[in-house]
C-alpha atoms as a PDB file:
ATOM      1  CA  UNK A   1     -79.571 208.851 258.933  1.00  0.00           C
ATOM      2  CA  UNK A   2     -78.706 206.267 261.580  1.00  0.00           C
ATOM      3  CA  UNK A   3     -81.244 203.507 262.102  1.00  0.00           C
ATOM      4  CA  UNK A   4     -81.162 199.889 263.204  1.00  0.00           C
ATOM      5  CA  UNK A   5     -82.032 197.590 260.332  1.00  0.00           C
ATOM      6  CA  UNK A   6     -84.154 195.256 262.394  1.00  0.00           C
ATOM      7  CA  UNK A   7     -86.368 197.715 264.255  1.00  0.00           C
ATOM      8  CA  UNK A   8     -90.041 197.726 263.293  1.00  0.00           C
ATOM      9  CA  UNK A   9     -89.943 200.947 261.285  1.00  0.00           C
ATOM     10  CA  UNK A  10     -86.936 199.875 259.248  1.00  0.00           C
ATOM     11  CA  UNK A  11     -88.414 196.440 258.545  1.00  0.00           C
ATOM     12  CA  UNK A  12     -91.629 198.038 257.327  1.00  0.00           C
ATOM     13  CA  UNK A  13     -89.625 200.312 255.038  1.00  0.00           C
ATOM     14  CA  UNK A  14     -87.613 197.364 253.708  1.00  0.00           C
ATOM     15  CA  UNK A  15     -90.809 195.391 253.103  1.00  0.00           C
ATOM     16  CA  UNK A  16     -92.313 198.333 251.219  1.00  0.00           C
ATOM     17  CA  UNK A  17     -89.219 198.653 249.031  1.00  0.00           C
ATOM     18  CA  UNK A  18     -89.268 194.900 248.330  1.00  0.00           C
ATOM     19  CA  UNK A  19     -92.889 195.254 247.218  1.00  0.00           C
ATOM     20  CA  UNK A  20     -91.854 198.101 244.938  1.00  0.00           C
ATOM     21  CA  UNK A  21     -89.180 195.841 243.427  1.00  0.00           C
ATOM     22  CA  UNK A  22     -91.739 193.146 242.671  1.00  0.00           C
ATOM     23  CA  UNK A  23     -94.175 195.667 241.190  1.00  0.00           C
ATOM     24  CA  UNK A  24     -91.442 197.135 238.988  1.00  0.00           C
ATOM     25  CA  UNK A  25     -90.527 193.646 237.819  1.00  0.00           C
ATOM     26  CA  UNK A  26     -94.186 192.746 237.158  1.00  0.00           C
ATOM     27  CA  UNK A  27     -94.912 195.832 235.047  1.00  0.00           C
ATOM     28  CA  UNK A  28     -91.678 195.580 233.069  1.00  0.00           C
ATOM     29  CA  UNK A  29     -89.738 198.457 234.630  1.00  0.00           C
ATOM     30  CA  UNK A  30     -87.446 196.138 236.546  1.00  0.00           C
ATOM     31  CA  UNK A  31     -85.847 194.489 233.535  1.00  0.00           C
ATOM     32  CA  UNK A  32     -85.952 196.079 230.102  1.00  0.00           C
ATOM     33  CA  UNK A  33     -84.307 193.769 227.511  1.00  0.00           C
ATOM     34  CA  UNK A  34     -81.470 195.388 225.577  1.00  0.00           C
ATOM     35  CA  UNK A  35     -79.753 192.755 223.430  1.00  0.00           C
ATOM     36  CA  UNK A  36     -78.370 189.917 225.571  1.00  0.00           C
ATOM     37  CA  UNK A  37     -78.493 192.078 228.705  1.00  0.00           C
ATOM     38  CA  UNK A  38     -81.321 193.676 230.662  1.00  0.00           C
ATOM     39  CA  UNK A  39     -81.449 197.353 231.527  1.00  0.00           C
ATOM     40  CA  UNK A  40     -82.563 197.126 235.137  1.00  0.00           C
ATOM     41  CA  UNK A  41     -84.008 199.926 237.249  1.00  0.00           C
ATOM     42  CA  UNK A  42     -84.362 197.658 240.285  1.00  0.00           C
ATOM     43  CA  UNK A  43     -81.253 199.362 241.630  1.00  0.00           C
ATOM     44  CA  UNK A  44     -83.414 202.423 242.343  1.00  0.00           C
ATOM     45  CA  UNK A  45     -85.285 201.038 245.392  1.00  0.00           C
ATOM     46  CA  UNK A  46     -82.027 199.396 246.494  1.00  0.00           C
ATOM     47  CA  UNK A  47     -80.262 202.762 246.451  1.00  0.00           C
ATOM     48  CA  UNK A  48     -83.136 204.394 248.328  1.00  0.00           C
ATOM     49  CA  UNK A  49     -83.054 201.706 251.034  1.00  0.00           C
ATOM     50  CA  UNK A  50     -79.270 201.715 251.308  1.00  0.00           C
ATOM     51  CA  UNK A  51     -79.182 205.483 251.819  1.00  0.00           C
ATOM     52  CA  UNK A  52     -82.235 205.965 254.032  1.00  0.00           C
ATOM     53  CA  UNK A  53     -81.926 202.843 256.213  1.00  0.00           C
ATOM     54  CA  UNK A  54     -78.297 201.776 255.808  1.00  0.00           C
ATOM     55  CA  UNK A  55     -75.895 199.359 254.088  1.00  0.00           C
ATOM     56  CA  UNK A  56     -77.474 196.270 255.672  1.00  0.00           C
ATOM     57  CA  UNK A  57     -80.848 197.192 254.194  1.00  0.00           C
ATOM     58  CA  UNK A  58     -79.139 197.709 250.850  1.00  0.00           C
ATOM     59  CA  UNK A  59     -77.720 194.193 251.118  1.00  0.00           C
ATOM     60  CA  UNK A  60     -81.177 192.724 251.829  1.00  0.00           C
ATOM     61  CA  UNK A  61     -82.765 194.593 248.920  1.00  0.00           C
ATOM     62  CA  UNK A  62     -79.857 193.647 246.672  1.00  0.00           C
ATOM     63  CA  UNK A  63     -80.354 190.026 247.654  1.00  0.00           C
ATOM     64  CA  UNK A  64     -84.010 190.202 246.607  1.00  0.00           C
ATOM     65  CA  UNK A  65     -82.956 191.676 243.256  1.00  0.00           C
ATOM     66  CA  UNK A  66     -80.413 188.884 242.882  1.00  0.00           C
ATOM     67  CA  UNK A  67     -82.913 186.135 243.670  1.00  0.00           C
ATOM     68  CA  UNK A  68     -85.327 187.546 241.094  1.00  0.00           C
ATOM     69  CA  UNK A  69     -82.499 187.526 238.568  1.00  0.00           C
ATOM     70  CA  UNK A  70     -81.523 183.977 239.505  1.00  0.00           C
ATOM     71  CA  UNK A  71     -85.142 182.870 239.055  1.00  0.00           C
ATOM     72  CA  UNK A  72     -84.909 184.135 235.473  1.00  0.00           C
ATOM     73  CA  UNK A  73     -81.833 181.937 235.022  1.00  0.00           C
ATOM     74  CA  UNK A  74     -83.771 178.925 236.266  1.00  0.00           C
ATOM     75  CA  UNK A  75     -86.943 179.566 234.257  1.00  0.00           C
ATOM     76  CA  UNK A  76     -85.391 180.812 231.025  1.00  0.00           C
ATOM     77  CA  UNK A  77     -86.507 184.387 231.592  1.00  0.00           C
ATOM     78  CA  UNK A  78     -83.003 185.540 230.691  1.00  0.00           C
ATOM     79  CA  UNK A  79     -81.228 183.875 227.768  1.00  0.00           C
ATOM     80  CA  UNK A  80     -77.824 184.920 229.035  1.00  0.00           C
ATOM     81  CA  UNK A  81     -78.080 183.728 232.634  1.00  0.00           C
ATOM     82  CA  UNK A  82     -79.947 180.587 231.566  1.00  0.00           C
ATOM     83  CA  UNK A  83     -77.064 179.743 229.231  1.00  0.00           C
ATOM     84  CA  UNK A  84     -74.517 180.470 231.949  1.00  0.00           C
ATOM     85  CA  UNK A  85     -76.496 178.353 234.446  1.00  0.00           C
ATOM     86  CA  UNK A  86     -76.026 175.359 232.144  1.00  0.00           C
ATOM     87  CA  UNK A  87     -72.265 175.981 232.333  1.00  0.00           C
ATOM     88  CA  UNK A  88     -72.048 176.502 236.099  1.00  0.00           C
ATOM     89  CA  UNK A  89     -75.021 176.840 238.481  1.00  0.00           C
ATOM     90  CA  UNK A  90     -72.770 177.916 241.365  1.00  0.00           C
ATOM     91  CA  UNK A  91     -71.016 180.680 239.432  1.00  0.00           C
ATOM     92  CA  UNK A  92     -74.368 181.814 238.039  1.00  0.00           C
ATOM     93  CA  UNK A  93     -75.777 182.066 241.582  1.00  0.00           C
ATOM     94  CA  UNK A  94     -72.787 184.175 242.610  1.00  0.00           C
ATOM     95  CA  UNK A  95     -73.170 186.293 239.479  1.00  0.00           C
ATOM     96  CA  UNK A  96     -76.885 186.907 240.029  1.00  0.00           C
ATOM     97  CA  UNK A  97     -77.207 187.009 243.816  1.00  0.00           C
ATOM     98  CA  UNK A  98     -73.902 187.553 245.618  1.00  0.00           C
ATOM     99  CA  UNK A  99     -72.807 190.462 243.432  1.00  0.00           C
ATOM    100  CA  UNK A 100     -76.187 192.172 244.030  1.00  0.00           C
ATOM    101  CA  UNK A 101     -75.910 191.719 247.814  1.00  0.00           C
ATOM    102  CA  UNK A 102     -72.468 193.338 247.690  1.00  0.00           C
ATOM    103  CA  UNK A 103     -73.798 196.095 245.434  1.00  0.00           C
ATOM    104  CA  UNK A 104     -76.556 197.031 247.865  1.00  0.00           C
ATOM    105  CA  UNK A 105     -74.261 196.965 250.873  1.00  0.00           C
ATOM    106  CA  UNK A 106     -71.473 198.945 249.205  1.00  0.00           C
ATOM    107  CA  UNK A 107     -73.949 201.534 247.892  1.00  0.00           C
ATOM    108  CA  UNK A 108     -74.878 202.278 251.498  1.00  0.00           C
ATOM    109  CA  UNK A 109     -71.234 202.424 252.557  1.00  0.00           C
ATOM    110  CA  UNK A 110     -70.393 204.809 249.717  1.00  0.00           C
ATOM    111  CA  UNK A 111     -73.301 207.093 250.612  1.00  0.00           C
ATOM    112  CA  UNK A 112     -72.307 207.211 254.291  1.00  0.00           C
ATOM    113  CA  UNK A 113     -68.778 208.209 253.310  1.00  0.00           C
ATOM    114  CA  UNK A 114     -69.968 210.865 250.865  1.00  0.00           C
ATOM    115  CA  UNK A 115     -72.540 212.256 253.312  1.00  0.00           C
ATOM    116  CA  UNK A 116     -69.718 213.082 255.741  1.00  0.00           C
ATOM    117  CA  UNK A 117     -68.090 215.228 253.063  1.00  0.00           C
ATOM    118  CA  UNK A 118     -71.340 216.836 251.928  1.00  0.00           C
ATOM    119  CA  UNK A 119     -72.310 218.744 255.074  1.00  0.00           C
ATOM    120  CA  UNK A 120     -75.140 220.637 253.359  1.00  0.00           C
ATOM    121  CA  UNK A 121     -76.588 217.605 251.620  1.00  0.00           C
ATOM    122  CA  UNK A 122     -76.389 219.131 248.159  1.00  0.00           C
ATOM    123  CA  UNK A 123     -74.856 216.337 246.078  1.00  0.00           C
ATOM    124  CA  UNK A 124     -74.250 213.217 248.183  1.00  0.00           C
ATOM    125  CA  UNK A 125     -77.813 211.932 247.616  1.00  0.00           C
ATOM    126  CA  UNK A 126     -77.354 211.955 243.860  1.00  0.00           C
ATOM    127  CA  UNK A 127     -73.824 210.507 243.998  1.00  0.00           C
ATOM    128  CA  UNK A 128     -75.021 207.781 246.370  1.00  0.00           C
ATOM    129  CA  UNK A 129     -77.923 206.925 244.067  1.00  0.00           C
ATOM    130  CA  UNK A 130     -75.572 206.674 241.095  1.00  0.00           C
ATOM    131  CA  UNK A 131     -73.316 204.335 243.087  1.00  0.00           C
ATOM    132  CA  UNK A 132     -75.898 201.522 243.047  1.00  0.00           C
ATOM    133  CA  UNK A 133     -76.222 201.059 239.246  1.00  0.00           C
ATOM    134  CA  UNK A 134     -72.497 201.686 238.743  1.00  0.00           C
ATOM    135  CA  UNK A 135     -71.571 199.062 241.342  1.00  0.00           C
ATOM    136  CA  UNK A 136     -74.142 196.704 239.858  1.00  0.00           C
ATOM    137  CA  UNK A 137     -72.511 196.961 236.436  1.00  0.00           C
ATOM    138  CA  UNK A 138     -68.942 196.731 237.760  1.00  0.00           C
ATOM    139  CA  UNK A 139     -69.568 193.736 240.037  1.00  0.00           C
ATOM    140  CA  UNK A 140     -71.806 191.843 237.603  1.00  0.00           C
ATOM    141  CA  UNK A 141     -69.569 192.325 234.568  1.00  0.00           C
ATOM    142  CA  UNK A 142     -66.420 191.834 236.626  1.00  0.00           C
ATOM    143  CA  UNK A 143     -67.586 188.437 237.838  1.00  0.00           C
ATOM    144  CA  UNK A 144     -68.926 187.542 234.408  1.00  0.00           C
ATOM    145  CA  UNK A 145     -65.434 188.038 232.974  1.00  0.00           C
ATOM    146  CA  UNK A 146     -63.770 186.306 235.925  1.00  0.00           C
ATOM    147  CA  UNK A 147     -65.951 183.183 235.827  1.00  0.00           C
ATOM    148  CA  UNK A 148     -67.238 182.908 232.266  1.00  0.00           C
ATOM    149  CA  UNK A 149     -64.902 184.819 229.929  1.00  0.00           C
ATOM    150  CA  UNK A 150     -63.483 181.697 228.318  1.00  0.00           C
ATOM    151  CA  UNK A 151     -66.851 180.028 227.776  1.00  0.00           C
ATOM    152  CA  UNK A 152     -68.224 179.562 224.287  1.00  0.00           C
ATOM    153  CA  UNK A 153     -71.154 181.886 225.007  1.00  0.00           C
ATOM    154  CA  UNK A 154     -69.060 184.857 226.126  1.00  0.00           C
ATOM    155  CA  UNK A 155     -66.391 184.294 223.496  1.00  0.00           C
ATOM    156  CA  UNK A 156     -69.130 184.428 220.885  1.00  0.00           C
ATOM    157  CA  UNK A 157     -69.984 187.954 222.057  1.00  0.00           C
ATOM    158  CA  UNK A 158     -66.290 188.842 222.242  1.00  0.00           C
ATOM    159  CA  UNK A 159     -65.870 187.867 218.591  1.00  0.00           C
ATOM    160  CA  UNK A 160     -69.074 189.648 217.547  1.00  0.00           C
ATOM    161  CA  UNK A 161     -67.996 192.883 219.232  1.00  0.00           C
ATOM    162  CA  UNK A 162     -64.398 192.611 218.111  1.00  0.00           C
ATOM    163  CA  UNK A 163     -63.138 193.067 221.666  1.00  0.00           C
ATOM    164  CA  UNK A 164     -59.384 192.771 222.080  1.00  0.00           C
ATOM    165  CA  UNK A 165     -59.395 192.193 225.839  1.00  0.00           C
ATOM    166  CA  UNK A 166     -61.799 191.755 228.778  1.00  0.00           C
ATOM    167  CA  UNK A 167     -61.950 195.483 229.579  1.00  0.00           C
ATOM    168  CA  UNK A 168     -62.839 196.328 225.996  1.00  0.00           C
ATOM    169  CA  UNK A 169     -65.445 193.561 226.026  1.00  0.00           C
ATOM    170  CA  UNK A 170     -67.098 195.038 229.141  1.00  0.00           C
ATOM    171  CA  UNK A 171     -67.154 198.537 227.668  1.00  0.00           C
ATOM    172  CA  UNK A 172     -68.611 197.368 224.345  1.00  0.00           C
ATOM    173  CA  UNK A 173     -71.025 194.899 225.936  1.00  0.00           C
ATOM    174  CA  UNK A 174     -72.721 197.260 228.372  1.00  0.00           C
ATOM    175  CA  UNK A 175     -72.427 200.238 226.023  1.00  0.00           C
ATOM    176  CA  UNK A 176     -74.758 203.161 226.646  1.00  0.00           C
ATOM    177  CA  UNK A 177     -77.013 200.985 228.802  1.00  0.00           C
ATOM    178  CA  UNK A 178     -74.888 201.526 231.914  1.00  0.00           C
ATOM    179  CA  UNK A 179     -74.905 205.293 231.407  1.00  0.00           C
ATOM    180  CA  UNK A 180     -78.694 205.383 231.032  1.00  0.00           C
ATOM    181  CA  UNK A 181     -79.170 203.260 234.169  1.00  0.00           C
ATOM    182  CA  UNK A 182     -76.816 205.435 236.193  1.00  0.00           C
ATOM    183  CA  UNK A 183     -78.383 208.658 234.936  1.00  0.00           C
ATOM    184  CA  UNK A 184     -81.996 207.674 235.614  1.00  0.00           C
ATOM    185  CA  UNK A 185     -81.342 205.972 238.954  1.00  0.00           C
ATOM    186  CA  UNK A 186     -79.043 208.785 240.057  1.00  0.00           C
ATOM    187  CA  UNK A 187     -81.555 211.513 239.268  1.00  0.00           C
ATOM    188  CA  UNK A 188     -84.657 209.788 240.642  1.00  0.00           C
ATOM    189  CA  UNK A 189     -82.904 208.216 243.615  1.00  0.00           C
ATOM    190  CA  UNK A 190     -81.246 211.484 244.609  1.00  0.00           C
ATOM    191  CA  UNK A 191     -84.520 213.422 244.450  1.00  0.00           C
ATOM    192  CA  UNK A 192     -86.447 210.749 246.390  1.00  0.00           C
ATOM    193  CA  UNK A 193     -83.895 210.309 249.165  1.00  0.00           C
ATOM    194  CA  UNK A 194     -83.284 214.026 249.602  1.00  0.00           C
ATOM    195  CA  UNK A 195     -87.033 214.676 249.808  1.00  0.00           C
ATOM    196  CA  UNK A 196     -87.551 211.861 252.328  1.00  0.00           C
ATOM    197  CA  UNK A 197     -84.584 213.020 254.413  1.00  0.00           C
ATOM    198  CA  UNK A 198     -85.884 216.591 254.473  1.00  0.00           C
ATOM    199  CA  UNK A 199     -89.358 215.365 255.450  1.00  0.00           C
ATOM    200  CA  UNK A 200     -88.047 213.180 258.262  1.00  0.00           C
ATOM    201  CA  UNK A 201     -85.815 215.991 259.483  1.00  0.00           C
ATOM    202  CA  UNK A 202     -88.763 218.397 259.562  1.00  0.00           C
ATOM    203  CA  UNK A 203     -90.908 215.789 261.304  1.00  0.00           C
ATOM    204  CA  UNK A 204     -88.288 215.275 264.001  1.00  0.00           C
ATOM    205  CA  UNK A 205     -88.070 219.046 264.580  1.00  0.00           C
ATOM    206  CA  UNK A 206     -91.854 219.278 264.861  1.00  0.00           C
ATOM    207  CA  UNK A 207     -91.969 216.447 267.394  1.00  0.00           C
ATOM    208  CA  UNK A 208     -89.145 218.003 269.402  1.00  0.00           C
ATOM    209  CA  UNK A 209     -90.950 221.352 269.515  1.00  0.00           C
ATOM    210  CA  UNK A 210     -93.975 219.907 271.309  1.00  0.00           C
END
């Protein structure tokens, strides 16, 4: 679905999805604590925006997610990011915000590529929705290892998990959490976006028939 990010309709949709992010965060669905990490379903509205509006909208929504996460680092809402902020505020900002902007943008790019292969629209919506939480995990954990692997905090988790290398640490650290995020966001996001796309397609046909 091709649409300019900064037209009125798209901006209203982005604003609505941002509101949904804040509501999810406020009621506890945005960040569910699981050990030192948080199982986040805020990638769901990001995936919806990235697929319906486009990669740029995904980047904006990802940036909002990242700023919310960075606020937790500043206020102590997240033990992990607060600890990492004390080590390096700049790297923590990149970890929380920049990786989420990239996640949202790339989720839209991935969906556009998959949609070209899926002419009937049977599976690309679900694969695109899964891309957001998967990219979120890959980019976040990848930068965590790149910037903070040798810190005392991360090495403490490495020792606790018995990880032999960074890849093993990532796999053990995120565990089943990443699979649950991807499964839930993929299923819900795919259903939502496919339904919206079908509705908008029907609406366009109805308008054209007048």
